[in-house]
Amino acid sequence: MYAQQRKRGISLLVVGVLILVSFCWGGVNRIGAAQKVLNILTAQSAEFEHLMYKEFEAQTGIKINFIDVGWASAQDKLTVEFAGGGGLFDVVFMDTSWVSDFAPYLVPLQNYFSEAKKGMVEAVIESMTIDGDLYVIPTMTDFELLFWHTERFREAGLSRAPKTLTEMTTYAKKLTNREQNLYGYAATWKQGDIVLTFDFYMRYRGMGGQYINDPVNKQARFNNEIGTKALQYMVDLLNKYKVMPSGALSASYEIALQLMNGDVAMILGWPGAISGRIEETKSPPGLIQPAVVPGEVPGAPTSVCAQFGYAIPRTNTGKREMAIKFINFIQSVDVQKRRLINQGMTPAWKCLYQEPELQQKFPILKVMMQQLPLAFPAPKFRGYTEADASLQAALHKAFLLKKSPEEALDEAAEKWNRVVARYYPE
């Protein structure tokens, strides 16, 4: 789900036009401001979520007036809402990749959800925290695992997933036969897709890199010896060893289908998305297996976590107590457990990964439990979306051999730091 293209914002002119349109936008219960009504912008259209809204209404007497705009449109709707001064919504859906830009418009929530801070996966909470304030309470999480095609491995004389990046390269070379159009590894390195930089971060941290950017001043820290090594690793998979199909720089979820078909033997993927592809293609049980994402340094983090949840706009000054009640319900252990069972969405609560009942129903949870302590959040600061775009452009220059990895990362760091300087002037 997170491999979709990230929105890059809209121009001030378009924002202005959309603001005018938003004043005529139907569906929001303005009269309900003094009533027990919550106006919620959501991007979760599944029947399960609607059932949860009704259950909350029955328990509390608070009516939910939800405006479901879909994931693809939610960021634009929020941009319009906040640019116009806000006030339409009491609770809003928030994806992890949007938090940095929208944090100034949201209410800090750490004082209201202390149990969530203690009981949820640490990296999940950290990813929703900007400059020390927790702005979004997650209703699910996801982080990439390595998925491998057991039959392709068996044919190559391999019986398990690789445990290190060096071993992964060796396996990928052994699993590649370009004459038969069979490849050892595939990835989503399309420019504009958050997974592109996520994959770089995962190699960087897995090789022992400590900080992608400085935790205090937000300046880039990836343009160093380890960063150069991590990017060189990616460039070599693509260009030197040629273990990846030609569409690596433009593919999206097609790589999952390539894995199901056996055209590629290994990919990094989001468990929910891969499970969905397995069901769609009716792949035989056990054909596709999950494994912990390999790193090079023992114990180093190797997977970026991504999630979504709900936040409260600062413009909600009269119904915050009701909003907190709603978020407390929708993110609860019970609802997240039922969401996992009904929708296959992995929970943010650590305790649910340990339940024998759930492990039996979802064996992948055992692998995810091993990955949990090796998960980490992507960088987060105001202006990150723009900084991330500069890094993606530089990565592509290295992939296309227009710049060396060192030159590409130095260029990205310079542009990254200029963005930081605008948002965090000294």
Foldseek 3Di string as FASTA:
>chain_A
DQQDFDDLDDDPVVLVVVLVVVVVDDQFDPVCLVPLEFEEEEQDPDPLVVVLQVVLCVVPVRHYRYDHPHPVCQVVVVSSQVVNPHDRGFKYKDWLVCQQACVVFFDFCCVLCVVLCVFFQVQVQVSQDAPHGRFFRFQFKWKKWKKFFQVLCVVLVHHDDDAALVVLLVQQLSSDDVVVLAFAEAEALAQSTPVNVQQLVLQLQLAPNDDCADPPLRFGDLLDPSNLVSLVSVLCCCPVSNRYDPCRHPDTCVVLVCCLVNSYTMYIDIVLSNVVVCVVVVRPPPRMDTAHAHGHDPPGARIEMIGMGMTGTPSNPPCVVSVSSSRCSSNDPVNSLVCCVVRVGHHRGPVSLPDPVVCVVPVCSVRVNVNSSRYHHDDHHHQVSVLVSLLSVLSVCCNVVVDRSSVSVVRSSVRSVVSSCVVDPD
